[in-house]
Amino acid sequence: TALRLRHYLRAYGYQLEKTPPAPLPDSRSLALLKTLVTQVGSLHKALGQLNGLAQAAEKEKRLDISMSDKQKNSHDLESLLRNFEDAGVIHVNGNTLHFTSETNRSFAKGGWLEHYVFRTVGRLSDVLAIRDKDTNLKLVDNAGVKNELDVVFMARNRGGRAGSAGHVCELSAIGRG
């Protein structure tokens, strides 16, 4: 029997909390992923703004948030929001940004990057000898400290993250604190 991530983490004293699996992106979201990844260099500022708006909406437990005049007048943010709107993730009405669901708010808040990395790890499974992979693992150590691993995989019976085989680490999305 192959060693699995959950067994590996439990062997190091971590308890895993149950988390529902993240829904897979639909074809419109996959097209958005491609745009975001290929243009991330020019979109980094607007992505940070969108992340901040999504975090503020999440903190208030809302699906809509008002944009400041500066945000509303940002050409880069407007262009990015149009891409997210075309994918059905958001709707913009004047200065109000509306996330179409909690899942889409999370996607806009950086979940898109997690999906991209997870898909990339899946495509490289054979090359990297990946035995197991998962997303959004919530761990609790012996001291009760909670952490979340956004994307994690096991290759050659060792835990790792993209770009660093042999370690279990968290992936942080652009603009996250």
C-alpha atoms as a PDB file:
ATOM      1  CA  THR A   1       0.000   0.000   0.000  1.00  0.00           C
ATOM      2  CA  ALA A   2       1.322   3.414  -0.979  1.00  0.00           C
ATOM      3  CA  LEU A   3       1.851   5.987   1.728  1.00  0.00           C
ATOM      4  CA  ARG A   4      -0.807   8.715   1.445  1.00  0.00           C
ATOM      5  CA  LEU A   5      -0.589  12.389   2.440  1.00  0.00           C
ATOM      6  CA  ARG A   6      -3.046  12.019   5.295  1.00  0.00           C
ATOM      7  CA  HIS A   7      -1.067   9.110   6.763  1.00  0.00           C
ATOM      8  CA  TYR A   8       2.194  11.031   6.367  1.00  0.00           C
ATOM      9  CA  LEU A   9       0.853  14.111   8.143  1.00  0.00           C
ATOM     10  CA  ARG A  10      -0.737  12.076  10.945  1.00  0.00           C
ATOM     11  CA  ALA A  11       2.609  10.317  11.464  1.00  0.00           C
ATOM     12  CA  TYR A  12       4.084  13.738  12.268  1.00  0.00           C
ATOM     13  CA  GLY A  13       1.360  14.433  14.834  1.00  0.00           C
ATOM     14  CA  TYR A  14      -1.027  16.547  12.758  1.00  0.00           C
ATOM     15  CA  GLN A  15      -4.785  16.122  13.034  1.00  0.00           C
ATOM     16  CA  LEU A  16      -6.735  16.854   9.871  1.00  0.00           C
ATOM     17  CA  GLU A  17     -10.026  18.719   9.931  1.00  0.00           C
ATOM     18  CA  LYS A  18     -12.663  17.765   7.402  1.00  0.00           C
ATOM     19  CA  THR A  19     -12.981  20.203   4.527  1.00  0.00           C
ATOM     20  CA  PRO A  20     -15.260  19.855   1.530  1.00  0.00           C
ATOM     21  CA  PRO A  21     -13.431  19.438  -1.764  1.00  0.00           C
ATOM     22  CA  ALA A  22     -13.140  22.610  -3.797  1.00  0.00           C
ATOM     23  CA  PRO A  23     -15.350  22.508  -6.889  1.00  0.00           C
ATOM     24  CA  LEU A  24     -13.518  22.151 -10.156  1.00  0.00           C
ATOM     25  CA  PRO A  25     -13.508  25.209 -12.414  1.00  0.00           C
ATOM     26  CA  ASP A  26     -15.896  25.130 -15.369  1.00  0.00           C
ATOM     27  CA  SER A  27     -14.771  25.874 -18.935  1.00  0.00           C
ATOM     28  CA  ARG A  28     -15.232  29.658 -18.516  1.00  0.00           C
ATOM     29  CA  SER A  29     -13.151  29.616 -15.321  1.00  0.00           C
ATOM     30  CA  LEU A  30     -10.468  27.548 -17.051  1.00  0.00           C
ATOM     31  CA  ALA A  31     -10.243  30.190 -19.794  1.00  0.00           C
ATOM     32  CA  LEU A  32      -9.949  32.835 -17.065  1.00  0.00           C
ATOM     33  CA  LEU A  33      -7.184  30.801 -15.384  1.00  0.00           C
ATOM     34  CA  LYS A  34      -5.224  30.782 -18.634  1.00  0.00           C
ATOM     35  CA  THR A  35      -5.589  34.558 -18.980  1.00  0.00           C
ATOM     36  CA  LEU A  36      -4.562  35.197 -15.364  1.00  0.00           C
ATOM     37  CA  VAL A  37      -1.502  32.962 -15.530  1.00  0.00           C
ATOM     38  CA  THR A  38      -0.250  34.279 -18.851  1.00  0.00           C
ATOM     39  CA  GLN A  39      -0.782  37.921 -17.831  1.00  0.00           C
ATOM     40  CA  VAL A  40      -0.035  37.738 -14.091  1.00  0.00           C
ATOM     41  CA  GLY A  41       2.917  40.114 -14.406  1.00  0.00           C
ATOM     42  CA  SER A  42       0.797  42.938 -15.760  1.00  0.00           C
ATOM     43  CA  LEU A  43      -2.207  42.090 -13.568  1.00  0.00           C
ATOM     44  CA  HIS A  44      -0.491  41.850 -10.180  1.00  0.00           C
ATOM     45  CA  LYS A  45      -1.703  45.235  -8.916  1.00  0.00           C
ATOM     46  CA  ALA A  46      -5.297  44.681 -10.044  1.00  0.00           C
ATOM     47  CA  LEU A  47      -5.228  41.128  -8.617  1.00  0.00           C
ATOM     48  CA  GLY A  48      -4.160  42.568  -5.268  1.00  0.00           C
ATOM     49  CA  GLN A  49      -7.061  45.036  -5.418  1.00  0.00           C
ATOM     50  CA  LEU A  50      -9.551  42.288  -6.272  1.00  0.00           C
ATOM     51  CA  ASN A  51      -8.132  40.106  -3.505  1.00  0.00           C
ATOM     52  CA  GLY A  52      -8.616  42.961  -1.040  1.00  0.00           C
ATOM     53  CA  LEU A  53     -12.214  43.491  -2.156  1.00  0.00           C
ATOM     54  CA  ALA A  54     -12.958  39.768  -1.858  1.00  0.00           C
ATOM     55  CA  GLN A  55     -11.347  39.636   1.608  1.00  0.00           C
ATOM     56  CA  ALA A  56     -13.404  42.629   2.757  1.00  0.00           C
ATOM     57  CA  ALA A  57     -16.617  41.024   1.456  1.00  0.00           C
ATOM     58  CA  GLU A  58     -15.716  37.743   3.166  1.00  0.00           C
ATOM     59  CA  LYS A  59     -14.978  39.517   6.458  1.00  0.00           C
ATOM     60  CA  GLU A  60     -18.406  41.165   6.304  1.00  0.00           C
ATOM     61  CA  LYS A  61     -19.973  37.809   5.280  1.00  0.00           C
ATOM     62  CA  ARG A  62     -21.355  39.396   2.129  1.00  0.00           C
ATOM     63  CA  LEU A  63     -21.287  38.667  -1.569  1.00  0.00           C
ATOM     64  CA  ASP A  64     -21.240  42.327  -2.570  1.00  0.00           C
ATOM     65  CA  ILE A  65     -18.849  45.127  -1.743  1.00  0.00           C
ATOM     66  CA  SER A  66     -18.608  48.771  -2.721  1.00  0.00           C
ATOM     67  CA  MET A  67     -15.561  49.875  -4.657  1.00  0.00           C
ATOM     68  CA  SER A  68     -13.916  53.209  -3.926  1.00  0.00           C
ATOM     69  CA  ASP A  69     -13.854  55.829  -6.670  1.00  0.00           C
ATOM     70  CA  LYS A  70     -10.140  55.119  -7.110  1.00  0.00           C
ATOM     71  CA  GLN A  71     -10.859  51.403  -7.611  1.00  0.00           C
ATOM     72  CA  LYS A  72     -13.777  52.095  -9.934  1.00  0.00           C
ATOM     73  CA  ASN A  73     -11.605  54.427 -12.034  1.00  0.00           C
ATOM     74  CA  SER A  74      -8.658  52.001 -12.230  1.00  0.00           C
ATOM     75  CA  HIS A  75      -8.305  50.878 -15.847  1.00  0.00           C
ATOM     76  CA  ASP A  76      -6.324  47.781 -14.824  1.00  0.00           C
ATOM     77  CA  LEU A  77      -8.910  46.717 -12.245  1.00  0.00           C
ATOM     78  CA  GLU A  78     -11.756  47.404 -14.675  1.00  0.00           C
ATOM     79  CA  SER A  79     -10.087  45.185 -17.281  1.00  0.00           C
ATOM     80  CA  LEU A  80      -9.528  42.394 -14.739  1.00  0.00           C
ATOM     81  CA  LEU A  81     -13.109  42.629 -13.463  1.00  0.00           C
ATOM     82  CA  ARG A  82     -14.371  42.303 -17.034  1.00  0.00           C
ATOM     83  CA  ASN A  83     -12.480  38.992 -17.331  1.00  0.00           C
ATOM     84  CA  PHE A  84     -13.972  37.727 -14.059  1.00  0.00           C
ATOM     85  CA  GLU A  85     -17.417  38.913 -15.157  1.00  0.00           C
ATOM     86  CA  ASP A  86     -17.115  37.099 -18.496  1.00  0.00           C
ATOM     87  CA  ALA A  87     -16.357  33.915 -16.521  1.00  0.00           C
ATOM     88  CA  GLY A  88     -19.487  34.382 -14.389  1.00  0.00           C
ATOM     89  CA  VAL A  89     -17.496  34.874 -11.159  1.00  0.00           C
ATOM     90  CA  ILE A  90     -18.719  38.428 -10.508  1.00  0.00           C
ATOM     91  CA  HIS A  91     -21.145  41.104 -11.668  1.00  0.00           C
ATOM     92  CA  VAL A  92     -20.340  44.808 -11.560  1.00  0.00           C
ATOM     93  CA  ASN A  93     -23.108  47.363 -11.202  1.00  0.00           C
ATOM     94  CA  GLY A  94     -21.800  50.914 -10.817  1.00  0.00           C
ATOM     95  CA  ASN A  95     -19.521  50.959  -7.762  1.00  0.00           C
ATOM     96  CA  THR A  96     -20.838  47.623  -6.472  1.00  0.00           C
ATOM     97  CA  LEU A  97     -18.934  44.402  -7.044  1.00  0.00           C
ATOM     98  CA  HIS A  98     -21.126  41.306  -6.580  1.00  0.00           C
ATOM     99  CA  PHE A  99     -19.613  37.809  -6.258  1.00  0.00           C
ATOM    100  CA  THR A 100     -22.015  35.254  -7.734  1.00  0.00           C
ATOM    101  CA  SER A 101     -21.389  32.755  -4.906  1.00  0.00           C
ATOM    102  CA  GLU A 102     -19.172  32.174  -1.888  1.00  0.00           C
ATOM    103  CA  THR A 103     -17.174  29.714  -3.982  1.00  0.00           C
ATOM    104  CA  ASN A 104     -16.614  32.375  -6.639  1.00  0.00           C
ATOM    105  CA  ARG A 105     -15.638  34.933  -3.983  1.00  0.00           C
ATOM    106  CA  SER A 106     -13.006  32.464  -2.773  1.00  0.00           C
ATOM    107  CA  PHE A 107     -11.903  31.869  -6.383  1.00  0.00           C
ATOM    108  CA  ALA A 108     -11.456  35.636  -6.887  1.00  0.00           C
ATOM    109  CA  LYS A 109      -9.612  35.926  -3.562  1.00  0.00           C
ATOM    110  CA  GLY A 110      -6.795  33.717  -4.810  1.00  0.00           C
ATOM    111  CA  GLY A 111      -8.440  30.339  -5.239  1.00  0.00           C
ATOM    112  CA  TRP A 112      -7.729  30.656  -8.951  1.00  0.00           C
ATOM    113  CA  LEU A 113      -4.020  30.290  -8.228  1.00  0.00           C
ATOM    114  CA  GLU A 114      -4.622  27.227  -6.053  1.00  0.00           C
ATOM    115  CA  HIS A 115      -6.642  25.627  -8.884  1.00  0.00           C
ATOM    116  CA  TYR A 116      -3.902  26.408 -11.381  1.00  0.00           C
ATOM    117  CA  VAL A 117      -1.131  24.963  -9.205  1.00  0.00           C
ATOM    118  CA  PHE A 118      -3.206  21.876  -8.376  1.00  0.00           C
ATOM    119  CA  ARG A 119      -3.896  21.266 -12.072  1.00  0.00           C
ATOM    120  CA  THR A 120      -0.203  21.776 -12.877  1.00  0.00           C
ATOM    121  CA  VAL A 121       0.844  19.297 -10.181  1.00  0.00           C
ATOM    122  CA  GLY A 122      -1.663  16.835 -11.651  1.00  0.00           C
ATOM    123  CA  ARG A 123      -0.183  17.236 -15.133  1.00  0.00           C
ATOM    124  CA  LEU A 124       3.327  16.661 -13.742  1.00  0.00           C
ATOM    125  CA  SER A 125       2.371  13.608 -11.682  1.00  0.00           C
ATOM    126  CA  ASP A 126       4.294  11.146 -13.835  1.00  0.00           C
ATOM    127  CA  VAL A 127       7.367  13.340 -14.269  1.00  0.00           C
ATOM    128  CA  LEU A 128       7.637  14.079 -10.529  1.00  0.00           C
ATOM    129  CA  ALA A 129       6.536  10.595  -9.393  1.00  0.00           C
ATOM    130  CA  ILE A 130       3.665  12.138  -7.428  1.00  0.00           C
ATOM    131  CA  ARG A 131       1.826   9.523  -5.395  1.00  0.00           C
ATOM    132  CA  ASP A 132      -0.835  11.721  -3.798  1.00  0.00           C
ATOM    133  CA  LYS A 133      -2.030  15.307  -3.967  1.00  0.00           C
ATOM    134  CA  ASP A 134      -4.695  17.358  -2.237  1.00  0.00           C
ATOM    135  CA  THR A 135      -5.949  20.890  -1.689  1.00  0.00           C
ATOM    136  CA  ASN A 136      -7.180  22.887   1.272  1.00  0.00           C
ATOM    137  CA  LEU A 137      -5.962  20.567   4.020  1.00  0.00           C
ATOM    138  CA  LYS A 138      -6.647  22.037   7.444  1.00  0.00           C
ATOM    139  CA  LEU A 139      -4.153  20.809  10.018  1.00  0.00           C
ATOM    140  CA  VAL A 140      -3.986  21.096  13.780  1.00  0.00           C
ATOM    141  CA  ASP A 141      -0.678  20.356  15.533  1.00  0.00           C
ATOM    142  CA  ASN A 142      -0.225  18.967  19.060  1.00  0.00           C
ATOM    143  CA  ALA A 143      -0.226  22.511  20.510  1.00  0.00           C
ATOM    144  CA  GLY A 144      -3.594  23.261  18.858  1.00  0.00           C
ATOM    145  CA  VAL A 145      -2.117  25.590  16.225  1.00  0.00           C
ATOM    146  CA  LYS A 146      -4.176  25.507  13.028  1.00  0.00           C
ATOM    147  CA  ASN A 147      -2.759  25.818   9.523  1.00  0.00           C
ATOM    148  CA  GLU A 148      -4.082  25.331   6.035  1.00  0.00           C
ATOM    149  CA  LEU A 149      -2.127  23.792   3.193  1.00  0.00           C
ATOM    150  CA  ASP A 150      -3.581  25.152  -0.025  1.00  0.00           C
ATOM    151  CA  VAL A 151      -1.846  22.735  -2.397  1.00  0.00           C
ATOM    152  CA  VAL A 152       0.215  19.798  -1.193  1.00  0.00           C
ATOM    153  CA  PHE A 153       1.558  16.660  -2.842  1.00  0.00           C
ATOM    154  CA  MET A 154       3.590  13.597  -2.042  1.00  0.00           C
ATOM    155  CA  ALA A 155       6.359  12.472  -4.360  1.00  0.00           C
ATOM    156  CA  ARG A 156       8.607   9.494  -3.727  1.00  0.00           C
ATOM    157  CA  ASN A 157       7.006   9.143  -0.247  1.00  0.00           C
ATOM    158  CA  ARG A 158       7.969  12.690   0.737  1.00  0.00           C
ATOM    159  CA  GLY A 159       5.645  15.626   1.263  1.00  0.00           C
ATOM    160  CA  GLY A 160       6.190  18.725  -0.828  1.00  0.00           C
ATOM    161  CA  ARG A 161       4.827  21.796  -2.495  1.00  0.00           C
ATOM    162  CA  ALA A 162       5.293  22.957  -6.037  1.00  0.00           C
ATOM    163  CA  GLY A 163       8.967  23.773  -6.565  1.00  0.00           C
ATOM    164  CA  SER A 164      10.214  22.202  -3.338  1.00  0.00           C
ATOM    165  CA  ALA A 165      10.017  18.430  -3.153  1.00  0.00           C
ATOM    166  CA  GLY A 166      10.622  17.074   0.303  1.00  0.00           C
ATOM    167  CA  HIS A 167       8.769  19.708   2.340  1.00  0.00           C
ATOM    168  CA  VAL A 168       5.162  20.306   3.303  1.00  0.00           C
ATOM    169  CA  CYS A 169       4.496  24.025   2.887  1.00  0.00           C
ATOM    170  CA  GLU A 170       1.647  26.390   2.121  1.00  0.00           C
ATOM    171  CA  LEU A 171       1.124  28.077  -1.214  1.00  0.00           C
ATOM    172  CA  SER A 172       0.272  31.751  -0.800  1.00  0.00           C
ATOM    173  CA  ALA A 173      -1.726  33.537  -3.451  1.00  0.00           C
ATOM    174  CA  ILE A 174      -0.824  36.949  -4.808  1.00  0.00           C
ATOM    175  CA  GLY A 175      -1.910  39.742  -2.483  1.00  0.00           C
ATOM    176  CA  ARG A 176      -2.503  37.511   0.507  1.00  0.00           C
ATOM    177  CA  GLY A 177      -1.150  38.546   3.886  1.00  0.00           C
END
